[in-house]
C-alpha atoms as a PDB file:
ATOM      1  CA  MET A   1      -0.014   0.083  -0.118  1.00  0.00           C
ATOM      2  CA  ALA A   2       0.773   3.545  -0.395  1.00  0.00           C
ATOM      3  CA  ILE A   3      -0.924   6.838   0.261  1.00  0.00           C
ATOM      4  CA  PHE A   4      -1.553   9.129  -3.358  1.00  0.00           C
ATOM      5  CA  LEU A   5       0.520   7.757  -5.701  1.00  0.00           C
ATOM      6  CA  ASP A   6       1.364   3.994  -6.444  1.00  0.00           C
ATOM      7  CA  TYR A   7       2.451   1.654  -9.083  1.00  0.00           C
ATOM      8  CA  THR A   8      -1.103   2.130 -11.032  1.00  0.00           C
ATOM      9  CA  SER A   9      -0.643   6.055 -11.055  1.00  0.00           C
ATOM     10  CA  LYS A  10      -0.810   7.440 -14.886  1.00  0.00           C
ATOM     11  CA  VAL A  11       1.295  10.735 -14.801  1.00  0.00           C
ATOM     12  CA  VAL A  12       1.516  13.474 -17.291  1.00  0.00           C
ATOM     13  CA  VAL A  13       3.643  16.483 -16.891  1.00  0.00           C
ATOM     14  CA  GLN A  14       2.249  19.992 -17.841  1.00  0.00           C
ATOM     15  CA  GLY A  15       5.796  21.621 -18.885  1.00  0.00           C
ATOM     16  CA  MET A  16       7.766  18.339 -19.890  1.00  0.00           C
ATOM     17  CA  THR A  17       9.255  20.157 -22.725  1.00  0.00           C
ATOM     18  CA  GLY A  18      10.594  23.213 -20.676  1.00  0.00           C
ATOM     19  CA  GLY A  19      14.849  22.776 -18.995  1.00  0.00           C
ATOM     20  CA  GLU A  20      13.173  21.206 -15.866  1.00  0.00           C
ATOM     21  CA  GLY A  21      10.460  19.565 -16.974  1.00  0.00           C
ATOM     22  CA  ARG A  22      12.297  17.499 -19.520  1.00  0.00           C
ATOM     23  CA  LYS A  23      14.929  16.676 -16.370  1.00  0.00           C
ATOM     24  CA  HIS A  24      13.110  15.587 -13.985  1.00  0.00           C
ATOM     25  CA  THR A  25      10.595  13.734 -16.298  1.00  0.00           C
ATOM     26  CA  GLN A  26      13.420  11.449 -16.961  1.00  0.00           C
ATOM     27  CA  ARG A  27      14.397  10.894 -13.352  1.00  0.00           C
ATOM     28  CA  MET A  28      11.079  10.185 -12.592  1.00  0.00           C
ATOM     29  CA  ILE A  29      10.978   7.495 -15.666  1.00  0.00           C
ATOM     30  CA  MET A  30      13.723   6.218 -14.815  1.00  0.00           C
ATOM     31  CA  SER A  31      12.719   5.731 -10.811  1.00  0.00           C
ATOM     32  CA  GLY A  32       9.380   3.535 -12.599  1.00  0.00           C
ATOM     33  CA  THR A  33       7.046   6.211 -12.710  1.00  0.00           C
ATOM     34  CA  ARG A  34       4.368   5.541 -15.610  1.00  0.00           C
ATOM     35  CA  ILE A  35       4.569   8.839 -17.630  1.00  0.00           C
ATOM     36  CA  VAL A  36       2.199   9.313 -19.761  1.00  0.00           C
ATOM     37  CA  GLY A  37       2.103  12.441 -21.399  1.00  0.00           C
ATOM     38  CA  GLY A  38       3.351  16.306 -21.335  1.00  0.00           C
ATOM     39  CA  VAL A  39       1.640  19.025 -22.051  1.00  0.00           C
ATOM     40  CA  THR A  40       2.941  22.169 -23.289  1.00  0.00           C
ATOM     41  CA  PRO A  41       0.198  24.562 -25.369  1.00  0.00           C
ATOM     42  CA  GLY A  42       0.761  24.829 -28.977  1.00  0.00           C
ATOM     43  CA  LYS A  43       3.597  21.699 -29.020  1.00  0.00           C
ATOM     44  CA  GLY A  44       0.018  19.038 -29.131  1.00  0.00           C
ATOM     45  CA  GLY A  45       1.180  16.018 -31.665  1.00  0.00           C
ATOM     46  CA  GLN A  46       5.089  16.413 -30.870  1.00  0.00           C
ATOM     47  CA  SER A  47       6.980  14.103 -28.776  1.00  0.00           C
ATOM     48  CA  VAL A  48      10.040  13.922 -26.215  1.00  0.00           C
ATOM     49  CA  ARG A  49      12.080  10.800 -26.662  1.00  0.00           C
ATOM     50  CA  PHE A  50      13.533   9.666 -23.143  1.00  0.00           C
ATOM     51  CA  GLU A  51      15.969   6.773 -23.295  1.00  0.00           C
ATOM     52  CA  GLU A  52      14.424   4.555 -26.083  1.00  0.00           C
ATOM     53  CA  ASP A  53      10.818   5.307 -25.602  1.00  0.00           C
ATOM     54  CA  PRO A  54       8.867   8.870 -27.291  1.00  0.00           C
ATOM     55  CA  VAL A  55       6.563  10.244 -24.669  1.00  0.00           C
ATOM     56  CA  PRO A  56       3.618  12.186 -26.678  1.00  0.00           C
ATOM     57  CA  VAL A  57       2.786  15.998 -25.954  1.00  0.00           C
ATOM     58  CA  PHE A  58      -0.748  17.604 -26.040  1.00  0.00           C
ATOM     59  CA  ASN A  59      -1.933  21.027 -26.545  1.00  0.00           C
ATOM     60  CA  SER A  60      -4.222  20.772 -23.055  1.00  0.00           C
ATOM     61  CA  MET A  61      -4.928  18.637 -20.166  1.00  0.00           C
ATOM     62  CA  HIS A  62      -8.096  17.562 -21.613  1.00  0.00           C
ATOM     63  CA  ASP A  63      -6.557  16.416 -24.576  1.00  0.00           C
ATOM     64  CA  ALA A  64      -4.010  14.613 -22.420  1.00  0.00           C
ATOM     65  CA  VAL A  65      -6.455  12.854 -20.135  1.00  0.00           C
ATOM     66  CA  ALA A  66      -9.079  12.020 -22.910  1.00  0.00           C
ATOM     67  CA  GLU A  67      -6.311   9.968 -24.817  1.00  0.00           C
ATOM     68  CA  THR A  68      -4.359   8.883 -21.783  1.00  0.00           C
ATOM     69  CA  GLY A  69      -6.499   8.478 -19.296  1.00  0.00           C
ATOM     70  CA  ALA A  70      -3.726  10.199 -16.772  1.00  0.00           C
ATOM     71  CA  ASP A  71      -4.695  10.910 -12.827  1.00  0.00           C
ATOM     72  CA  VAL A  72      -1.785  12.780 -11.712  1.00  0.00           C
ATOM     73  CA  SER A  73      -0.735  15.548 -13.375  1.00  0.00           C
ATOM     74  CA  VAL A  74       3.342  16.943 -12.118  1.00  0.00           C
ATOM     75  CA  VAL A  75       3.745  20.982 -13.145  1.00  0.00           C
ATOM     76  CA  PHE A  76       6.754  22.370 -13.651  1.00  0.00           C
ATOM     77  CA  VAL A  77       5.121  25.697 -15.264  1.00  0.00           C
ATOM     78  CA  PRO A  78       6.836  29.290 -14.393  1.00  0.00           C
ATOM     79  CA  ALA A  79       4.675  31.332 -11.462  1.00  0.00           C
ATOM     80  CA  PRO A  80       3.179  33.612 -14.233  1.00  0.00           C
ATOM     81  CA  TYR A  81       1.434  30.630 -15.780  1.00  0.00           C
ATOM     82  CA  ALA A  82       1.296  28.158 -12.508  1.00  0.00           C
ATOM     83  CA  LYS A  83      -2.148  28.909 -12.216  1.00  0.00           C
ATOM     84  CA  ALA A  84      -3.769  28.732 -15.141  1.00  0.00           C
ATOM     85  CA  ALA A  85      -1.603  25.316 -15.779  1.00  0.00           C
ATOM     86  CA  VAL A  86      -3.085  24.015 -12.848  1.00  0.00           C
ATOM     87  CA  MET A  87      -6.863  25.722 -13.337  1.00  0.00           C
ATOM     88  CA  GLU A  88      -6.706  23.784 -16.288  1.00  0.00           C
ATOM     89  CA  ALA A  89      -5.636  20.280 -14.453  1.00  0.00           C
ATOM     90  CA  ILE A  90      -8.776  21.081 -12.236  1.00  0.00           C
ATOM     91  CA  ASP A  91     -10.947  21.499 -15.267  1.00  0.00           C
ATOM     92  CA  ALA A  92      -9.967  18.206 -16.561  1.00  0.00           C
ATOM     93  CA  ARG A  93     -10.702  16.318 -12.814  1.00  0.00           C
ATOM     94  CA  VAL A  94      -7.632  15.293 -12.852  1.00  0.00           C
ATOM     95  CA  PRO A  95      -7.307  13.444  -9.177  1.00  0.00           C
ATOM     96  CA  LEU A  96      -3.971  14.636  -7.970  1.00  0.00           C
ATOM     97  CA  VAL A  97      -1.951  17.530  -9.212  1.00  0.00           C
ATOM     98  CA  VAL A  98       1.454  17.729  -8.053  1.00  0.00           C
ATOM     99  CA  CYS A  99       2.592  21.218  -8.037  1.00  0.00           C
ATOM    100  CA  ILE A 100       6.316  21.524  -7.891  1.00  0.00           C
ATOM    101  CA  THR A 101       6.327  25.426  -9.316  1.00  0.00           C
ATOM    102  CA  GLU A 102       7.620  28.186  -6.505  1.00  0.00           C
ATOM    103  CA  GLY A 103       7.015  31.774  -6.776  1.00  0.00           C
ATOM    104  CA  ILE A 104       3.418  31.565  -7.154  1.00  0.00           C
ATOM    105  CA  PRO A 105       1.397  34.851  -5.666  1.00  0.00           C
ATOM    106  CA  VAL A 106      -0.544  33.850  -2.573  1.00  0.00           C
ATOM    107  CA  ARG A 107      -4.053  35.080  -4.525  1.00  0.00           C
ATOM    108  CA  ASP A 108      -3.210  32.734  -7.234  1.00  0.00           C
ATOM    109  CA  THR A 109      -2.066  29.835  -5.039  1.00  0.00           C
ATOM    110  CA  ALA A 110      -5.787  30.549  -3.293  1.00  0.00           C
ATOM    111  CA  GLU A 111      -8.050  30.758  -6.280  1.00  0.00           C
ATOM    112  CA  PHE A 112      -6.545  27.861  -7.702  1.00  0.00           C
ATOM    113  CA  PHE A 113      -6.922  25.728  -3.833  1.00  0.00           C
ATOM    114  CA  SER A 114     -10.687  27.453  -3.516  1.00  0.00           C
ATOM    115  CA  ALA A 115     -11.432  25.931  -7.445  1.00  0.00           C
ATOM    116  CA  ALA A 116      -9.580  22.254  -6.546  1.00  0.00           C
ATOM    117  CA  GLU A 117     -12.293  22.355  -3.560  1.00  0.00           C
ATOM    118  CA  LYS A 118     -15.258  23.028  -5.590  1.00  0.00           C
ATOM    119  CA  SER A 119     -14.408  20.541  -7.805  1.00  0.00           C
ATOM    120  CA  GLY A 120     -14.777  17.728  -4.710  1.00  0.00           C
ATOM    121  CA  ALA A 121     -12.456  15.769  -7.451  1.00  0.00           C
ATOM    122  CA  THR A 122      -8.909  17.154  -7.487  1.00  0.00           C
ATOM    123  CA  ARG A 123      -6.213  17.344  -4.896  1.00  0.00           C
ATOM    124  CA  ILE A 124      -3.043  19.459  -4.834  1.00  0.00           C
ATOM    125  CA  ILE A 125      -0.007  19.270  -3.877  1.00  0.00           C
ATOM    126  CA  GLY A 126       1.924  21.973  -3.138  1.00  0.00           C
ATOM    127  CA  PRO A 127       2.969  24.525  -4.524  1.00  0.00           C
ATOM    128  CA  ASN A 128       6.719  25.228  -3.781  1.00  0.00           C
ATOM    129  CA  CYS A 129       7.070  21.759  -2.899  1.00  0.00           C
ATOM    130  CA  PRO A 130       9.357  18.684  -3.808  1.00  0.00           C
ATOM    131  CA  GLY A 131       6.410  15.982  -4.925  1.00  0.00           C
ATOM    132  CA  LEU A 132       6.111  13.061  -3.366  1.00  0.00           C
ATOM    133  CA  ILE A 133       7.144   9.665  -3.976  1.00  0.00           C
ATOM    134  CA  SER A 134       6.061   5.966  -3.364  1.00  0.00           C
ATOM    135  CA  PRO A 135       9.812   4.106  -3.198  1.00  0.00           C
ATOM    136  CA  GLY A 136       9.708   1.484  -5.611  1.00  0.00           C
ATOM    137  CA  ARG A 137       6.293   1.864  -7.383  1.00  0.00           C
ATOM    138  CA  SER A 138       6.287   6.075  -8.302  1.00  0.00           C
ATOM    139  CA  ASN A 139       7.700   8.975  -7.978  1.00  0.00           C
ATOM    140  CA  ALA A 140       5.708  12.698  -8.819  1.00  0.00           C
ATOM    141  CA  GLY A 141       8.342  15.386  -8.886  1.00  0.00           C
ATOM    142  CA  ILE A 142      11.936  16.018  -7.937  1.00  0.00           C
ATOM    143  CA  ILE A 143      12.459  13.805  -4.695  1.00  0.00           C
ATOM    144  CA  PRO A 144      15.936  11.877  -5.142  1.00  0.00           C
ATOM    145  CA  ALA A 145      14.409   7.625  -6.215  1.00  0.00           C
ATOM    146  CA  ASN A 146      18.240   6.760  -5.149  1.00  0.00           C
ATOM    147  CA  ILE A 147      18.060   7.938  -1.557  1.00  0.00           C
ATOM    148  CA  ALA A 148      15.334   5.160   0.104  1.00  0.00           C
ATOM    149  CA  GLY A 149      13.777   1.881  -0.899  1.00  0.00           C
ATOM    150  CA  ARG A 150      10.334   0.943   0.050  1.00  0.00           C
ATOM    151  CA  GLY A 151       9.422   0.512   3.664  1.00  0.00           C
ATOM    152  CA  ARG A 152       7.249   0.867   6.632  1.00  0.00           C
ATOM    153  CA  ILE A 153       7.376   4.745   7.678  1.00  0.00           C
ATOM    154  CA  GLY A 154       5.028   7.535   6.645  1.00  0.00           C
ATOM    155  CA  LEU A 155       7.237  10.761   6.135  1.00  0.00           C
ATOM    156  CA  VAL A 156       5.037  14.304   5.711  1.00  0.00           C
ATOM    157  CA  SER A 157       7.114  17.506   5.552  1.00  0.00           C
ATOM    158  CA  LYS A 158       7.161  21.132   4.598  1.00  0.00           C
ATOM    159  CA  SER A 159      10.786  21.333   3.683  1.00  0.00           C
ATOM    160  CA  GLY A 160      12.008  19.264   0.570  1.00  0.00           C
ATOM    161  CA  THR A 161      15.636  19.430   1.663  1.00  0.00           C
ATOM    162  CA  LEU A 162      14.578  17.752   5.148  1.00  0.00           C
ATOM    163  CA  THR A 163      12.571  15.646   3.215  1.00  0.00           C
ATOM    164  CA  TYR A 164      15.682  14.116   1.282  1.00  0.00           C
ATOM    165  CA  GLN A 165      17.671  14.032   4.655  1.00  0.00           C
ATOM    166  CA  MET A 166      14.956  12.299   6.715  1.00  0.00           C
ATOM    167  CA  MET A 167      15.112   9.397   3.751  1.00  0.00           C
ATOM    168  CA  TYR A 168      18.677   9.659   3.827  1.00  0.00           C
ATOM    169  CA  GLU A 169      18.800   8.971   7.713  1.00  0.00           C
ATOM    170  CA  LEU A 170      16.294   5.994   7.572  1.00  0.00           C
ATOM    171  CA  ALA A 171      16.934   4.486   4.787  1.00  0.00           C
ATOM    172  CA  GLU A 172      17.353   1.300   6.239  1.00  0.00           C
ATOM    173  CA  PHE A 173      13.719   1.483   7.081  1.00  0.00           C
ATOM    174  CA  GLY A 174      12.110   2.745   4.091  1.00  0.00           C
ATOM    175  CA  PHE A 175       9.366   4.080   3.242  1.00  0.00           C
ATOM    176  CA  SER A 176       5.489   3.747   2.398  1.00  0.00           C
ATOM    177  CA  THR A 177       5.129   7.211   1.192  1.00  0.00           C
ATOM    178  CA  ALA A 178       7.134  10.839   1.587  1.00  0.00           C
ATOM    179  CA  VAL A 179       4.961  13.913   1.122  1.00  0.00           C
ATOM    180  CA  GLY A 180       6.676  17.365   0.341  1.00  0.00           C
ATOM    181  CA  ILE A 181       3.678  19.470   1.779  1.00  0.00           C
ATOM    182  CA  GLY A 182       5.780  22.838   0.629  1.00  0.00           C
ATOM    183  CA  GLY A 183       5.765  25.758   3.087  1.00  0.00           C
ATOM    184  CA  ASP A 184       3.564  28.030   1.548  1.00  0.00           C
ATOM    185  CA  PRO A 185       0.757  30.343   3.612  1.00  0.00           C
ATOM    186  CA  ILE A 186      -1.643  28.227   1.472  1.00  0.00           C
ATOM    187  CA  ILE A 187      -1.233  24.826   0.484  1.00  0.00           C
ATOM    188  CA  GLY A 188      -3.399  22.018  -1.298  1.00  0.00           C
ATOM    189  CA  THR A 189      -2.543  18.886   1.419  1.00  0.00           C
ATOM    190  CA  THR A 190      -2.217  19.766   4.728  1.00  0.00           C
ATOM    191  CA  HIS A 191       0.210  17.370   7.665  1.00  0.00           C
ATOM    192  CA  ILE A 192      -3.370  16.566   8.888  1.00  0.00           C
ATOM    193  CA  ASP A 193      -4.479  15.207   5.289  1.00  0.00           C
ATOM    194  CA  CYS A 194      -0.978  13.065   5.158  1.00  0.00           C
ATOM    195  CA  LEU A 195      -1.643  11.689   8.906  1.00  0.00           C
ATOM    196  CA  ARG A 196      -5.126  10.615   8.005  1.00  0.00           C
ATOM    197  CA  GLU A 197      -4.549   8.625   5.069  1.00  0.00           C
ATOM    198  CA  PHE A 198      -1.162   7.191   6.836  1.00  0.00           C
ATOM    199  CA  GLU A 199      -3.064   5.989   9.940  1.00  0.00           C
ATOM    200  CA  ALA A 200      -5.315   4.475   7.698  1.00  0.00           C
ATOM    201  CA  ASP A 201      -2.388   2.403   5.515  1.00  0.00           C
ATOM    202  CA  PRO A 202      -2.366  -0.776   6.733  1.00  0.00           C
ATOM    203  CA  GLU A 203       1.962  -0.651   5.373  1.00  0.00           C
ATOM    204  CA  THR A 204       2.606   2.524   7.449  1.00  0.00           C
ATOM    205  CA  GLN A 205       3.377   1.289  10.688  1.00  0.00           C
ATOM    206  CA  ALA A 206       5.213   4.896  12.334  1.00  0.00           C
ATOM    207  CA  ILE A 207       4.644   8.443  10.288  1.00  0.00           C
ATOM    208  CA  MET A 208       7.433  11.118  10.976  1.00  0.00           C
ATOM    209  CA  MET A 209       6.123  14.470  10.726  1.00  0.00           C
ATOM    210  CA  ILE A 210       8.447  17.365   9.761  1.00  0.00           C
ATOM    211  CA  GLY A 211       7.171  20.943  10.400  1.00  0.00           C
ATOM    212  CA  GLU A 212       8.829  24.752  10.622  1.00  0.00           C
ATOM    213  CA  ILE A 213       8.078  28.009  12.906  1.00  0.00           C
ATOM    214  CA  GLY A 214       5.253  30.314  11.627  1.00  0.00           C
ATOM    215  CA  GLY A 215       1.690  29.954  11.311  1.00  0.00           C
ATOM    216  CA  ASP A 216      -0.169  26.735  13.337  1.00  0.00           C
ATOM    217  CA  ALA A 217      -0.312  23.826  11.258  1.00  0.00           C
ATOM    218  CA  GLU A 218       2.075  21.916  14.097  1.00  0.00           C
ATOM    219  CA  GLU A 219      -0.576  22.590  16.814  1.00  0.00           C
ATOM    220  CA  ARG A 220      -3.357  21.807  14.880  1.00  0.00           C
ATOM    221  CA  ALA A 221      -2.118  18.959  13.329  1.00  0.00           C
ATOM    222  CA  ALA A 222      -1.165  17.806  17.487  1.00  0.00           C
ATOM    223  CA  GLU A 223      -4.913  17.888  18.106  1.00  0.00           C
ATOM    224  CA  PHE A 224      -5.537  15.688  15.401  1.00  0.00           C
ATOM    225  CA  ILE A 225      -3.681  13.373  16.189  1.00  0.00           C
ATOM    226  CA  ALA A 226      -4.644  13.197  20.032  1.00  0.00           C
ATOM    227  CA  SER A 227      -7.453  12.154  18.643  1.00  0.00           C
ATOM    228  CA  ASN A 228      -6.943  10.234  15.624  1.00  0.00           C
ATOM    229  CA  VAL A 229      -4.129   8.517  15.076  1.00  0.00           C
ATOM    230  CA  THR A 230      -2.958   5.313  16.799  1.00  0.00           C
ATOM    231  CA  LYS A 231       0.341   5.106  15.247  1.00  0.00           C
ATOM    232  CA  PRO A 232       3.689   6.318  17.153  1.00  0.00           C
ATOM    233  CA  VAL A 233       4.284   9.866  15.121  1.00  0.00           C
ATOM    234  CA  VAL A 234       8.002  11.379  15.303  1.00  0.00           C
ATOM    235  CA  GLY A 235       8.102  15.096  14.751  1.00  0.00           C
ATOM    236  CA  TYR A 236      10.953  17.806  13.929  1.00  0.00           C
ATOM    237  CA  VAL A 237      10.765  21.327  13.416  1.00  0.00           C
ATOM    238  CA  ALA A 238      12.851  23.609  12.053  1.00  0.00           C
ATOM    239  CA  GLY A 239      13.883  26.771  13.074  1.00  0.00           C
ATOM    240  CA  PHE A 240      14.710  26.424  16.865  1.00  0.00           C
ATOM    241  CA  THR A 241      17.293  29.383  16.432  1.00  0.00           C
ATOM    242  CA  ALA A 242      15.161  31.777  14.281  1.00  0.00           C
ATOM    243  CA  PRO A 243      15.158  35.288  15.386  1.00  0.00           C
ATOM    244  CA  GLU A 244      11.580  36.650  16.163  1.00  0.00           C
ATOM    245  CA  GLY A 245      10.104  38.407  13.201  1.00  0.00           C
ATOM    246  CA  ARG A 246      12.324  37.416  10.871  1.00  0.00           C
ATOM    247  CA  THR A 247      10.964  35.753   7.859  1.00  0.00           C
ATOM    248  CA  MET A 248      13.238  32.084   7.228  1.00  0.00           C
ATOM    249  CA  GLY A 249      13.241  30.442   4.122  1.00  0.00           C
ATOM    250  CA  HIS A 250       9.906  29.799   3.038  1.00  0.00           C
ATOM    251  CA  ALA A 251       6.768  32.662   2.768  1.00  0.00           C
ATOM    252  CA  GLY A 252       5.268  31.352   6.028  1.00  0.00           C
ATOM    253  CA  ALA A 253       7.857  30.547   8.425  1.00  0.00           C
ATOM    254  CA  ILE A 254       7.699  33.753  10.387  1.00  0.00           C
ATOM    255  CA  VAL A 255       7.101  34.419  14.051  1.00  0.00           C
ATOM    256  CA  SER A 256       5.074  36.863  16.303  1.00  0.00           C
ATOM    257  CA  GLY A 257       5.925  36.841  19.696  1.00  0.00           C
ATOM    258  CA  SER A 258       5.477  33.056  20.984  1.00  0.00           C
ATOM    259  CA  ALA A 259       2.756  32.408  18.607  1.00  0.00           C
ATOM    260  CA  GLY A 260       4.551  30.293  15.603  1.00  0.00           C
ATOM    261  CA  THR A 261       7.891  28.818  17.754  1.00  0.00           C
ATOM    262  CA  ALA A 262       9.487  26.291  17.271  1.00  0.00           C
ATOM    263  CA  GLU A 263       9.414  25.523  20.973  1.00  0.00           C
ATOM    264  CA  ALA A 264       5.733  26.245  21.053  1.00  0.00           C
ATOM    265  CA  LYS A 265       4.736  23.556  18.079  1.00  0.00           C
ATOM    266  CA  LYS A 266       7.003  20.812  19.859  1.00  0.00           C
ATOM    267  CA  ASN A 267       5.185  21.548  23.543  1.00  0.00           C
ATOM    268  CA  ALA A 268       1.873  21.001  22.220  1.00  0.00           C
ATOM    269  CA  LEU A 269       3.358  18.045  19.608  1.00  0.00           C
ATOM    270  CA  GLU A 270       5.086  16.072  23.257  1.00  0.00           C
ATOM    271  CA  ALA A 271       1.536  17.105  24.882  1.00  0.00           C
ATOM    272  CA  VAL A 272       0.288  14.287  23.055  1.00  0.00           C
ATOM    273  CA  GLY A 273       2.639  11.870  22.871  1.00  0.00           C
ATOM    274  CA  VAL A 274       5.153  12.912  19.591  1.00  0.00           C
ATOM    275  CA  ARG A 275       8.322  11.994  20.330  1.00  0.00           C
ATOM    276  CA  VAL A 276      10.404  15.302  19.006  1.00  0.00           C
ATOM    277  CA  GLY A 277      13.695  15.968  17.837  1.00  0.00           C
ATOM    278  CA  LYS A 278      15.970  19.393  18.790  1.00  0.00           C
ATOM    279  CA  THR A 279      17.614  18.241  15.573  1.00  0.00           C
ATOM    280  CA  PRO A 280      16.901  16.171  12.224  1.00  0.00           C
ATOM    281  CA  SER A 281      19.051  13.388  12.989  1.00  0.00           C
ATOM    282  CA  GLY A 282      17.847  13.427  16.348  1.00  0.00           C
ATOM    283  CA  ALA A 283      14.436  13.145  14.941  1.00  0.00           C
ATOM    284  CA  ALA A 284      15.656  10.173  12.636  1.00  0.00           C
ATOM    285  CA  ALA A 285      17.527   8.509  16.256  1.00  0.00           C
ATOM    286  CA  LEU A 286      13.837   8.464  18.082  1.00  0.00           C
ATOM    287  CA  MET A 287      12.249   6.974  14.817  1.00  0.00           C
ATOM    288  CA  ALA A 288      14.921   4.625  14.483  1.00  0.00           C
ATOM    289  CA  ASP A 289      14.480   3.588  18.111  1.00  0.00           C
ATOM    290  CA  ILE A 290      10.384   2.849  17.582  1.00  0.00           C
ATOM    291  CA  MET A 291      10.751   0.796  13.835  1.00  0.00           C
ATOM    292  CA  ARG A 292      13.961  -1.457  16.105  1.00  0.00           C
ATOM    293  CA  THR A 293      11.144  -2.508  18.852  1.00  0.00           C
ATOM    294  CA  MET A 294       8.331  -2.979  16.158  1.00  0.00           C
ATOM    295  CA  PRO A 295       7.575  -6.310  14.326  1.00  0.00           C
ATOM    296  CA  ARG A 296       7.695  -6.201  10.922  1.00  0.00           C
ATOM    297  CA  GLY A 297       4.109  -6.985   9.484  1.00  0.00           C
END
């Protein structure tokens, strides 16, 4: 099992003919992803060759879905055009849209997230995220496929680089799915969404949750864990040394007074039984301790 993405997923890449889209499409194919097409307006009817196999290019998501039955889109479209690309995928009723693009205006994100909610058909992951990987099955985004294999840990993270580090440090145990949800002020899929799915996934035995300073997403996740999660959860909150009032990296990572601090989030998580590391390696060590005591099954 895995969440959101598995070996049956049929993936279309919006922006596949661009430099980043082409590079990461190649990486996704090499990690076993079923890439069934790309979308670039005006280039329909062309194809891009990856290894020996040509991948068709379509003018629109409607054409791509009609021809291929695609159920996942990965968006590598520059920020000024990303909203239109995501809205087109929503209009085509693609079940999962993974928006890698960074620098999208918050107003644009709010509009396409609202459209996805109204559609009732599309889940958005991102924007400004590394995507997600179900090792050995499928990879939608830019997460390196060689840093960890299939296993029993579910990972949800706001940070792309910490996603990679945690997968590398816990490679001996492997992952059911790792999801980089992004750190913008508005994101399509939250910690809580992933926690709910990992709790229901029979293959996932423990959950690693990575947050960061700013906002109250981690506190809300703690409330959800208290009432809905029975599996062991380990957490890490980036930003213990961040100065008050300064934006740190992601657009949402800003603290004001005691609200949104790493310490406050750590306290909220520990109050509901989550073990929290003070460093990424410390969190990985806590998870390793748990995994070594759990029976395989």
